[in-house]
Protein backbone atom coordinates (compact mmCIF):
# COMPACT_ATOMS: atom_id res chain seq x y z
CA MET A 1 5.23 3.18 -6.90
CA PRO A 2 7.97 4.69 -9.11
CA ARG A 3 8.08 8.48 -9.33
CA GLY A 4 7.27 8.53 -13.05
CA ARG A 5 4.03 6.67 -12.43
CA VAL A 6 3.15 8.94 -9.54
CA ARG A 7 3.63 11.98 -11.78
CA ALA A 8 1.47 10.42 -14.49
CA VAL A 9 -1.33 9.63 -12.02
CA LEU A 10 -1.17 13.13 -10.58
CA ALA A 11 -1.23 14.67 -14.08
CA LEU A 12 -4.26 12.53 -14.95
CA SER A 13 -6.00 13.52 -11.72
CA ASP A 14 -5.28 17.21 -12.33
CA ALA A 15 -6.57 17.00 -15.92
CA VAL A 16 -9.84 15.45 -14.76
CA SER A 17 -10.32 17.83 -11.82
CA THR A 18 -9.65 20.96 -13.92
CA GLY A 19 -11.95 19.82 -16.72
CA ALA A 20 -9.16 19.45 -19.29
CA LEU A 21 -10.13 15.77 -19.56
CA ASP A 22 -13.74 14.65 -19.54
CA LEU A 23 -14.27 10.93 -18.87
CA SER A 24 -17.98 11.15 -18.17
CA PRO A 25 -20.46 8.99 -20.10
CA GLY A 26 -21.28 10.56 -23.42
CA ALA A 27 -18.12 12.67 -23.53
CA ASP A 28 -16.20 12.99 -26.79
CA ARG A 29 -13.78 10.03 -26.81
CA THR A 30 -11.60 11.55 -29.56
CA ALA A 31 -11.04 14.64 -27.42
CA ALA A 32 -10.32 12.41 -24.41
CA ARG A 33 -7.72 10.42 -26.39
CA GLU A 34 -6.04 13.64 -27.48
CA ALA A 35 -6.06 15.04 -23.93
CA LEU A 36 -4.61 11.82 -22.54
CA GLY A 37 -1.94 11.81 -25.25
CA ARG A 38 -0.76 15.25 -24.15
CA LEU A 39 -0.09 14.07 -20.59
CA SER A 40 3.49 13.17 -19.76
CA GLY A 41 3.88 9.51 -18.87
CA ILE A 42 0.60 8.44 -20.49
CA GLY A 43 1.14 6.33 -23.60
CA PRO A 44 -1.20 4.60 -26.05
CA TRP A 45 -1.74 1.51 -23.88
CA THR A 46 -2.53 3.55 -20.77
CA THR A 47 -4.81 5.83 -22.77
CA GLU A 48 -6.89 2.89 -23.96
CA MET A 49 -6.97 1.32 -20.49
CA VAL A 50 -8.19 4.60 -18.95
CA LEU A 51 -10.89 4.90 -21.61
CA LEU A 52 -11.88 1.23 -21.31
CA PHE A 53 -12.06 0.96 -17.52
CA GLY A 54 -12.20 4.58 -16.38
CA ALA A 55 -14.68 5.88 -18.92
CA GLY A 56 -16.46 2.66 -19.84
CA ASP A 57 -15.68 3.00 -23.55
CA PRO A 58 -16.50 -0.39 -25.12
CA ASP A 59 -14.53 0.50 -28.26
CA ALA A 60 -11.23 1.12 -26.47
CA VAL A 61 -8.63 -1.52 -27.35
CA PRO A 62 -5.43 -1.68 -25.29
CA LEU A 63 -2.95 -2.39 -28.09
CA GLY A 64 0.04 -4.41 -27.02
CA ASP A 65 -1.89 -6.14 -24.24
CA TRP A 66 -0.33 -9.58 -23.95
CA HIS A 67 -3.60 -11.22 -22.97
CA LEU A 68 -5.78 -9.68 -25.67
CA SER A 69 -4.80 -12.16 -28.39
CA HIS A 70 -5.46 -15.06 -26.00
CA VAL A 71 -8.90 -13.72 -25.07
CA ILE A 72 -9.83 -13.24 -28.74
CA SER A 73 -8.66 -16.72 -29.70
CA MET A 74 -10.66 -18.24 -26.81
CA PHE A 75 -13.71 -16.36 -28.03
CA PHE A 76 -13.45 -17.86 -31.51
CA ARG A 77 -12.76 -21.35 -30.17
CA GLY A 78 -16.15 -21.23 -28.51
């Protein structure tokens, strides 16, 4: 794993363990987005993926995901 990614994962882990980032059910998702945005190496796509899969936020949308448009079009095709 590249060093930049390792640093980002460690920063995310530290934020969760110190309480600077709350990903528990019912936590304020706006505050979580802001906290994730302050972490070095965590961009908008990663923020949404962490909220979607890590926090179970059904409203998180990973913008720029190459497969998202395909999944949506398959949904409407039925």
